[in-house]
Amino acid sequence: MTLKQYLTEYGKSHRNPTNQKIHFVCVPAILISTLALGWLLNLGLVLDTPWARWINLATVGGLLTIPFYLRMGARALLAMTGFFALALGCILAVESSGLPLWAVAAAVWIAAWAVQLIGHNIEGAKPSFSDDMKFLLIGPLFVLDEWGVNLGTHQSP
C-alpha cells in the first residue's frame, strides 16, 4: 500500500472533528511516551561505553521502522525522523528535570490511550490498528498530514 492509500484508509475512522482533535494531541503523546518507555529498556547494559545508554528499545525500534517509512517516501522518513528527534528532546528534558521518566511516560501513555478510545467511541469506529498493526506507524503521519506537513501525498494544482 502507498502512503496515500494508508492515509485514506486511516482517515475513514477519523472523520469526526472531535476525534480528529483528540488524535492531534494524543497521537504525538502516545508516540513520545512509547519511545520514553522504550528508552528505559536498555539493551546496551553489557557494554562499558559512554554511549551504551543509547542502545535501548526506543532507538533500536526507531531504527527498525526506517525501511517502512522509507517505503512510504523520503518525506515520510524525514518527517518521522523529526518526530523521533522531538521525542528524544522530550525524553532528555524529563530526565534532566529530575522527574521519574517511567512515571511521566506511563501516565501520559495511559491517559492518551484512554482519551483516544473516547475519541473512537465518539467517532463510532474502531481504531485502524485493530485491523492492521501498521496503522500504529501511520497515525503520526496522518497527524502530520492533517497539520499540513507536505508528505508528498497531494498533487499540486
N, C-alpha and C. Protein backbone atom coordinates (compact mmCIF):
# COMPACT_ATOMS: atom_id res chain seq x y z
N MET A 1 0.84 -1.18 0.00
CA MET A 1 0.00 0.00 0.00
C MET A 1 0.89 1.24 0.00
N THR A 2 0.47 2.28 -0.67
CA THR A 2 1.21 3.54 -0.67
C THR A 2 0.82 4.37 0.56
N LEU A 3 1.61 5.40 0.83
CA LEU A 3 1.29 6.28 1.95
C LEU A 3 -0.09 6.92 1.76
N LYS A 4 -0.37 7.37 0.55
CA LYS A 4 -1.67 7.99 0.28
C LYS A 4 -2.80 7.01 0.57
N GLN A 5 -2.63 5.75 0.19
CA GLN A 5 -3.66 4.74 0.46
C GLN A 5 -3.81 4.51 1.97
N TYR A 6 -2.68 4.42 2.67
CA TYR A 6 -2.74 4.25 4.12
C TYR A 6 -3.46 5.43 4.78
N LEU A 7 -3.12 6.65 4.36
CA LEU A 7 -3.74 7.84 4.96
C LEU A 7 -5.23 7.89 4.67
N THR A 8 -5.62 7.50 3.46
CA THR A 8 -7.04 7.47 3.10
C THR A 8 -7.77 6.45 3.96
N GLU A 9 -7.19 5.27 4.09
CA GLU A 9 -7.81 4.22 4.91
C GLU A 9 -7.88 4.64 6.38
N TYR A 10 -6.81 5.22 6.89
CA TYR A 10 -6.77 5.68 8.27
C TYR A 10 -7.83 6.76 8.49
N GLY A 11 -7.97 7.64 7.52
CA GLY A 11 -8.91 8.75 7.62
C GLY A 11 -10.37 8.31 7.72
N LYS A 12 -10.68 7.11 7.23
CA LYS A 12 -12.06 6.62 7.26
C LYS A 12 -12.60 6.51 8.68
N SER A 13 -11.74 6.24 9.64
CA SER A 13 -12.20 6.13 11.03
C SER A 13 -11.77 7.35 11.86
N HIS A 14 -11.48 8.45 11.16
CA HIS A 14 -11.06 9.68 11.83
C HIS A 14 -11.69 10.89 11.15
N ARG A 15 -13.00 10.84 10.95
CA ARG A 15 -13.70 11.93 10.27
C ARG A 15 -14.37 12.90 11.23
N ASN A 16 -14.70 12.43 12.41
CA ASN A 16 -15.37 13.28 13.39
C ASN A 16 -14.39 14.35 13.88
N PRO A 17 -14.78 15.63 13.84
CA PRO A 17 -13.88 16.71 14.24
C PRO A 17 -13.33 16.57 15.67
N THR A 18 -14.15 16.08 16.59
CA THR A 18 -13.69 15.89 17.97
C THR A 18 -12.64 14.79 18.02
N ASN A 19 -12.90 13.70 17.34
CA ASN A 19 -11.94 12.60 17.30
C ASN A 19 -10.63 13.05 16.65
N GLN A 20 -10.73 13.85 15.61
CA GLN A 20 -9.52 14.37 14.96
C GLN A 20 -8.70 15.22 15.93
N LYS A 21 -9.38 16.12 16.65
CA LYS A 21 -8.67 16.97 17.61
C LYS A 21 -8.00 16.14 18.69
N ILE A 22 -8.71 15.12 19.16
CA ILE A 22 -8.13 14.22 20.15
C ILE A 22 -6.87 13.57 19.59
N HIS A 23 -6.94 13.11 18.35
CA HIS A 23 -5.79 12.45 17.74
C HIS A 23 -4.62 13.42 17.55
N PHE A 24 -4.91 14.67 17.25
CA PHE A 24 -3.85 15.66 17.04
C PHE A 24 -3.00 15.82 18.30
N VAL A 25 -3.60 15.63 19.46
CA VAL A 25 -2.89 15.74 20.73
C VAL A 25 -2.37 14.37 21.17
N CYS A 26 -3.23 13.38 21.10
CA CYS A 26 -2.90 12.08 21.70
C CYS A 26 -1.94 11.23 20.89
N VAL A 27 -1.99 11.31 19.56
CA VAL A 27 -1.04 10.51 18.77
C VAL A 27 0.41 10.93 19.07
N PRO A 28 0.74 12.23 19.04
CA PRO A 28 2.11 12.59 19.43
C PRO A 28 2.43 12.20 20.87
N ALA A 29 1.46 12.35 21.78
CA ALA A 29 1.69 11.98 23.18
C ALA A 29 1.97 10.49 23.31
N ILE A 30 1.23 9.67 22.57
CA ILE A 30 1.45 8.22 22.61
C ILE A 30 2.80 7.87 22.01
N LEU A 31 3.14 8.49 20.88
CA LEU A 31 4.44 8.21 20.25
C LEU A 31 5.58 8.57 21.20
N ILE A 32 5.54 9.75 21.75
CA ILE A 32 6.62 10.21 22.62
C ILE A 32 6.70 9.37 23.89
N SER A 33 5.55 9.08 24.50
CA SER A 33 5.58 8.29 25.74
C SER A 33 5.97 6.84 25.48
N THR A 34 5.60 6.30 24.34
CA THR A 34 6.02 4.93 24.00
C THR A 34 7.53 4.89 23.83
N LEU A 35 8.07 5.87 23.13
CA LEU A 35 9.53 5.91 22.97
C LEU A 35 10.22 6.14 24.31
N ALA A 36 9.60 6.93 25.18
CA ALA A 36 10.19 7.15 26.51
C ALA A 36 10.23 5.85 27.31
N LEU A 37 9.16 5.08 27.24
CA LEU A 37 9.16 3.79 27.94
C LEU A 37 10.20 2.85 27.33
N GLY A 38 10.32 2.88 26.01
CA GLY A 38 11.35 2.07 25.35
C GLY A 38 12.76 2.52 25.70
N TRP A 39 12.92 3.82 25.93
CA TRP A 39 14.21 4.39 26.31
C TRP A 39 14.71 3.77 27.61
N LEU A 40 13.77 3.42 28.47
CA LEU A 40 14.11 2.87 29.78
C LEU A 40 14.56 1.41 29.71
N LEU A 41 14.28 0.75 28.60
CA LEU A 41 14.67 -0.65 28.43
C LEU A 41 16.00 -0.71 27.72
N ASN A 42 17.05 -0.59 28.49
CA ASN A 42 18.41 -0.51 27.96
C ASN A 42 18.86 -1.87 27.45
N LEU A 43 19.31 -1.89 26.21
CA LEU A 43 19.80 -3.12 25.59
C LEU A 43 21.32 -3.15 25.56
N GLY A 44 21.95 -2.08 26.00
CA GLY A 44 23.40 -1.99 25.97
C GLY A 44 24.05 -2.14 27.34
N LEU A 45 23.35 -2.77 28.26
CA LEU A 45 23.84 -2.89 29.63
C LEU A 45 25.19 -3.60 29.73
N VAL A 46 25.45 -4.51 28.83
CA VAL A 46 26.69 -5.27 28.90
C VAL A 46 27.87 -4.50 28.32
N LEU A 47 27.59 -3.40 27.67
CA LEU A 47 28.66 -2.61 27.07
C LEU A 47 29.19 -1.59 28.08
N ASP A 48 30.48 -1.45 28.11
CA ASP A 48 31.10 -0.48 29.02
C ASP A 48 31.60 0.70 28.20
N THR A 49 30.63 1.43 27.63
CA THR A 49 30.96 2.59 26.81
C THR A 49 30.04 3.74 27.20
N PRO A 50 30.47 4.97 26.94
CA PRO A 50 29.62 6.13 27.29
C PRO A 50 28.30 6.15 26.50
N TRP A 51 28.27 5.54 25.33
CA TRP A 51 27.06 5.59 24.51
C TRP A 51 26.17 4.37 24.69
N ALA A 52 26.46 3.49 25.64
CA ALA A 52 25.66 2.28 25.85
C ALA A 52 24.20 2.61 26.18
N ARG A 53 23.95 3.73 26.87
CA ARG A 53 22.58 4.10 27.23
C ARG A 53 21.73 4.41 26.00
N TRP A 54 22.38 4.69 24.88
CA TRP A 54 21.66 4.99 23.65
C TRP A 54 21.20 3.73 22.94
N ILE A 55 21.66 2.58 23.42
CA ILE A 55 21.21 1.31 22.84
C ILE A 55 20.07 0.81 23.71
N ASN A 56 18.87 1.15 23.30
CA ASN A 56 17.68 0.81 24.08
C ASN A 56 16.55 0.47 23.12
N LEU A 57 15.44 0.06 23.67
CA LEU A 57 14.32 -0.37 22.83
C LEU A 57 13.81 0.77 21.95
N ALA A 58 13.87 2.00 22.41
CA ALA A 58 13.40 3.13 21.61
C ALA A 58 14.28 3.36 20.39
N THR A 59 15.60 3.38 20.59
CA THR A 59 16.49 3.64 19.45
C THR A 59 16.51 2.46 18.48
N VAL A 60 16.55 1.25 19.02
CA VAL A 60 16.54 0.08 18.14
C VAL A 60 15.20 -0.02 17.41
N GLY A 61 14.12 0.17 18.13
CA GLY A 61 12.80 0.15 17.50
C GLY A 61 12.66 1.23 16.43
N GLY A 62 13.16 2.43 16.75
CA GLY A 62 13.13 3.51 15.77
C GLY A 62 13.90 3.16 14.51
N LEU A 63 15.07 2.58 14.68
CA LEU A 63 15.87 2.17 13.52
C LEU A 63 15.16 1.10 12.70
N LEU A 64 14.44 0.22 13.38
CA LEU A 64 13.73 -0.85 12.67
C LEU A 64 12.55 -0.34 11.85
N THR A 65 12.07 0.88 12.15
CA THR A 65 10.96 1.45 11.38
C THR A 65 11.44 2.14 10.10
N ILE A 66 12.74 2.34 9.97
CA ILE A 66 13.26 3.07 8.81
C ILE A 66 12.83 2.44 7.48
N PRO A 67 12.94 1.13 7.29
CA PRO A 67 12.51 0.58 5.99
C PRO A 67 11.03 0.84 5.68
N PHE A 68 10.18 0.74 6.71
CA PHE A 68 8.75 1.00 6.49
C PHE A 68 8.54 2.45 6.05
N TYR A 69 9.11 3.39 6.80
CA TYR A 69 8.89 4.80 6.47
C TYR A 69 9.57 5.17 5.14
N LEU A 70 10.68 4.54 4.82
CA LEU A 70 11.33 4.80 3.54
C LEU A 70 10.44 4.32 2.39
N ARG A 71 9.75 3.20 2.58
CA ARG A 71 8.80 2.74 1.55
C ARG A 71 7.65 3.73 1.39
N MET A 72 7.35 4.46 2.46
CA MET A 72 6.29 5.47 2.39
C MET A 72 6.78 6.74 1.70
N GLY A 73 8.08 6.87 1.53
CA GLY A 73 8.66 8.01 0.83
C GLY A 73 9.68 8.74 1.68
N ALA A 74 10.58 9.43 1.00
CA ALA A 74 11.65 10.15 1.69
C ALA A 74 11.09 11.22 2.63
N ARG A 75 10.02 11.89 2.21
CA ARG A 75 9.42 12.93 3.07
C ARG A 75 8.82 12.33 4.33
N ALA A 76 8.22 11.15 4.19
CA ALA A 76 7.66 10.47 5.36
C ALA A 76 8.77 10.10 6.33
N LEU A 77 9.87 9.57 5.79
CA LEU A 77 11.01 9.21 6.63
C LEU A 77 11.58 10.46 7.32
N LEU A 78 11.72 11.54 6.58
CA LEU A 78 12.24 12.78 7.16
C LEU A 78 11.29 13.31 8.24
N ALA A 79 9.99 13.26 7.97
CA ALA A 79 9.01 13.74 8.96
C ALA A 79 9.08 12.91 10.23
N MET A 80 9.19 11.59 10.09
CA MET A 80 9.24 10.74 11.27
C MET A 80 10.58 10.88 11.99
N THR A 81 11.64 11.18 11.27
CA THR A 81 12.93 11.45 11.92
C THR A 81 12.78 12.70 12.79
N GLY A 82 12.06 13.70 12.29
CA GLY A 82 11.78 14.89 13.09
C GLY A 82 10.93 14.58 14.31
N PHE A 83 9.93 13.73 14.13
CA PHE A 83 9.08 13.32 15.25
C PHE A 83 9.91 12.59 16.30
N PHE A 84 10.79 11.70 15.85
CA PHE A 84 11.64 10.96 16.78
C PHE A 84 12.61 11.90 17.49
N ALA A 85 13.12 12.90 16.78
CA ALA A 85 14.03 13.88 17.41
C ALA A 85 13.28 14.68 18.48
N LEU A 86 12.04 15.06 18.17
CA LEU A 86 11.22 15.76 19.17
C LEU A 86 11.02 14.88 20.40
N ALA A 87 10.74 13.60 20.16
CA ALA A 87 10.55 12.67 21.28
C ALA A 87 11.82 12.58 22.12
N LEU A 88 12.97 12.49 21.46
CA LEU A 88 14.24 12.42 22.18
C LEU A 88 14.44 13.68 23.03
N GLY A 89 14.12 14.83 22.46
CA GLY A 89 14.22 16.07 23.23
C GLY A 89 13.34 16.05 24.46
N CYS A 90 12.11 15.55 24.31
CA CYS A 90 11.19 15.45 25.46
C CYS A 90 11.73 14.48 26.50
N ILE A 91 12.25 13.34 26.04
CA ILE A 91 12.79 12.34 26.96
C ILE A 91 13.95 12.92 27.76
N LEU A 92 14.87 13.57 27.07
CA LEU A 92 16.04 14.14 27.76
C LEU A 92 15.62 15.27 28.69
N ALA A 93 14.59 16.04 28.30
CA ALA A 93 14.11 17.12 29.17
C ALA A 93 13.50 16.56 30.45
N VAL A 94 12.71 15.51 30.34
CA VAL A 94 12.13 14.91 31.55
C VAL A 94 13.22 14.32 32.42
N GLU A 95 14.19 13.64 31.79
CA GLU A 95 15.30 13.07 32.57
C GLU A 95 16.06 14.16 33.33
N SER A 96 16.32 15.27 32.66
CA SER A 96 17.09 16.34 33.31
C SER A 96 16.27 17.12 34.34
N SER A 97 14.96 16.97 34.29
CA SER A 97 14.10 17.69 35.24
C SER A 97 14.11 17.06 36.63
N GLY A 98 14.56 15.84 36.70
CA GLY A 98 14.54 15.13 37.97
C GLY A 98 13.27 14.33 38.20
N LEU A 99 12.28 14.51 37.32
CA LEU A 99 11.05 13.70 37.42
C LEU A 99 11.36 12.28 36.97
N PRO A 100 10.67 11.30 37.53
CA PRO A 100 10.91 9.92 37.08
C PRO A 100 10.32 9.69 35.69
N LEU A 101 11.20 9.43 34.73
CA LEU A 101 10.76 9.26 33.35
C LEU A 101 9.71 8.16 33.23
N TRP A 102 9.90 7.07 33.95
CA TRP A 102 8.96 5.96 33.83
C TRP A 102 7.56 6.39 34.26
N ALA A 103 7.45 7.18 35.31
CA ALA A 103 6.14 7.59 35.83
C ALA A 103 5.48 8.60 34.89
N VAL A 104 6.25 9.56 34.40
CA VAL A 104 5.70 10.55 33.48
C VAL A 104 5.24 9.86 32.20
N ALA A 105 6.11 9.01 31.65
CA ALA A 105 5.78 8.33 30.39
C ALA A 105 4.58 7.41 30.55
N ALA A 106 4.54 6.66 31.64
CA ALA A 106 3.42 5.74 31.86
C ALA A 106 2.11 6.51 32.03
N ALA A 107 2.14 7.60 32.78
CA ALA A 107 0.92 8.39 32.99
C ALA A 107 0.42 8.99 31.68
N VAL A 108 1.33 9.55 30.89
CA VAL A 108 0.95 10.13 29.60
C VAL A 108 0.41 9.04 28.68
N TRP A 109 1.09 7.91 28.63
CA TRP A 109 0.70 6.81 27.75
C TRP A 109 -0.71 6.32 28.09
N ILE A 110 -0.97 6.07 29.36
CA ILE A 110 -2.28 5.57 29.79
C ILE A 110 -3.37 6.62 29.52
N ALA A 111 -3.10 7.86 29.88
CA ALA A 111 -4.10 8.92 29.69
C ALA A 111 -4.40 9.13 28.20
N ALA A 112 -3.35 9.16 27.37
CA ALA A 112 -3.55 9.41 25.94
C ALA A 112 -4.33 8.27 25.29
N TRP A 113 -4.02 7.03 25.65
CA TRP A 113 -4.78 5.91 25.09
C TRP A 113 -6.23 5.94 25.55
N ALA A 114 -6.46 6.29 26.80
CA ALA A 114 -7.83 6.38 27.31
C ALA A 114 -8.62 7.43 26.52
N VAL A 115 -8.02 8.58 26.30
CA VAL A 115 -8.70 9.64 25.56
C VAL A 115 -8.90 9.23 24.10
N GLN A 116 -7.92 8.54 23.52
CA GLN A 116 -8.07 8.05 22.14
C GLN A 116 -9.28 7.13 22.04
N LEU A 117 -9.44 6.24 23.02
CA LEU A 117 -10.59 5.32 22.98
C LEU A 117 -11.90 6.08 23.11
N ILE A 118 -11.90 7.15 23.89
CA ILE A 118 -13.09 8.01 23.97
C ILE A 118 -13.35 8.62 22.60
N GLY A 119 -12.30 9.08 21.94
CA GLY A 119 -12.44 9.65 20.59
C GLY A 119 -13.04 8.66 19.61
N HIS A 120 -12.59 7.42 19.68
CA HIS A 120 -13.15 6.41 18.77
C HIS A 120 -14.58 6.05 19.14
N ASN A 121 -14.91 6.15 20.41
CA ASN A 121 -16.30 5.94 20.82
C ASN A 121 -17.18 7.06 20.25
N ILE A 122 -16.70 8.29 20.32
CA ILE A 122 -17.42 9.42 19.73
C ILE A 122 -17.57 9.22 18.22
N GLU A 123 -16.49 8.77 17.59
CA GLU A 123 -16.47 8.53 16.14
C GLU A 123 -17.43 7.41 15.77
N GLY A 124 -17.55 6.42 16.65
CA GLY A 124 -18.36 5.25 16.34
C GLY A 124 -17.62 4.27 15.45
N ALA A 125 -16.29 4.32 15.51
CA ALA A 125 -15.47 3.44 14.68
C ALA A 125 -14.30 2.91 15.51
N LYS A 126 -13.93 1.68 15.25
CA LYS A 126 -12.80 1.10 15.97
C LYS A 126 -11.50 1.69 15.43
N PRO A 127 -10.45 1.66 16.24
CA PRO A 127 -9.15 2.16 15.77
C PRO A 127 -8.64 1.37 14.57
N SER A 128 -7.99 2.05 13.65
CA SER A 128 -7.49 1.43 12.43
C SER A 128 -6.54 0.28 12.71
N PHE A 129 -5.73 0.41 13.76
CA PHE A 129 -4.73 -0.62 14.04
C PHE A 129 -5.35 -1.94 14.46
N SER A 130 -6.65 -1.94 14.80
CA SER A 130 -7.29 -3.20 15.17
C SER A 130 -7.40 -4.14 13.97
N ASP A 131 -7.33 -3.58 12.76
CA ASP A 131 -7.33 -4.39 11.54
C ASP A 131 -5.93 -4.64 11.00
N ASP A 132 -5.02 -3.69 11.24
CA ASP A 132 -3.66 -3.81 10.72
C ASP A 132 -2.73 -2.99 11.62
N MET A 133 -1.81 -3.68 12.28
CA MET A 133 -0.91 -3.01 13.23
C MET A 133 -0.03 -1.94 12.58
N LYS A 134 0.12 -1.98 11.26
CA LYS A 134 0.92 -0.95 10.58
C LYS A 134 0.32 0.44 10.79
N PHE A 135 -0.97 0.49 11.08
CA PHE A 135 -1.60 1.80 11.29
C PHE A 135 -1.07 2.50 12.54
N LEU A 136 -0.44 1.74 13.45
CA LEU A 136 0.23 2.39 14.58
C LEU A 136 1.38 3.26 14.08
N LEU A 137 2.00 2.85 12.97
CA LEU A 137 3.08 3.64 12.37
C LEU A 137 2.54 4.75 11.46
N ILE A 138 1.31 4.60 11.01
CA ILE A 138 0.70 5.59 10.12
C ILE A 138 0.09 6.76 10.89
N GLY A 139 -0.38 6.50 12.11
CA GLY A 139 -1.03 7.55 12.91
C GLY A 139 -0.25 8.86 12.97
N PRO A 140 1.05 8.82 13.30
CA PRO A 140 1.80 10.08 13.33
C PRO A 140 1.86 10.78 11.97
N LEU A 141 1.94 10.00 10.90
CA LEU A 141 1.96 10.61 9.56
C LEU A 141 0.60 11.22 9.22
N PHE A 142 -0.48 10.59 9.67
CA PHE A 142 -1.82 11.15 9.47
C PHE A 142 -1.92 12.50 10.16
N VAL A 143 -1.44 12.57 11.39
CA VAL A 143 -1.49 13.83 12.14
C VAL A 143 -0.65 14.89 11.41
N LEU A 144 0.55 14.54 11.00
CA LEU A 144 1.39 15.50 10.28
C LEU A 144 0.73 15.95 8.99
N ASP A 145 0.13 15.01 8.26
CA ASP A 145 -0.56 15.34 7.01
C ASP A 145 -1.71 16.30 7.28
N GLU A 146 -2.47 16.04 8.35
CA GLU A 146 -3.59 16.91 8.71
C GLU A 146 -3.10 18.28 9.16
N TRP A 147 -1.91 18.33 9.76
CA TRP A 147 -1.33 19.60 10.19
C TRP A 147 -0.78 20.39 9.00
N GLY A 148 -0.76 19.78 7.82
CA GLY A 148 -0.29 20.47 6.62
C GLY A 148 1.16 20.21 6.26
N VAL A 149 1.79 19.25 6.93
CA VAL A 149 3.17 18.90 6.58
C VAL A 149 3.13 18.20 5.22
N ASN A 150 3.94 18.66 4.30
CA ASN A 150 3.95 18.11 2.94
C ASN A 150 4.68 16.78 2.92
N LEU A 151 3.91 15.70 2.89
CA LEU A 151 4.48 14.35 2.85
C LEU A 151 4.57 13.83 1.42
N GLY A 152 4.22 14.69 0.47
CA GLY A 152 4.29 14.29 -0.93
C GLY A 152 3.07 13.49 -1.39
N THR A 153 1.98 13.56 -0.64
CA THR A 153 0.79 12.79 -0.98
C THR A 153 -0.24 13.60 -1.77
N HIS A 154 -0.06 14.91 -1.80
CA HIS A 154 -1.02 15.77 -2.50
C HIS A 154 -0.38 16.29 -3.79
N GLN A 155 -1.18 16.30 -4.85
CA GLN A 155 -0.68 16.83 -6.10
C GLN A 155 -0.87 18.33 -6.15
N SER A 156 0.08 19.00 -6.76
CA SER A 156 -0.03 20.46 -6.90
C SER A 156 -1.07 20.78 -7.98
N PRO A 157 -1.78 21.92 -7.82
CA PRO A 157 -2.79 22.29 -8.83
C PRO A 157 -2.17 22.69 -10.13
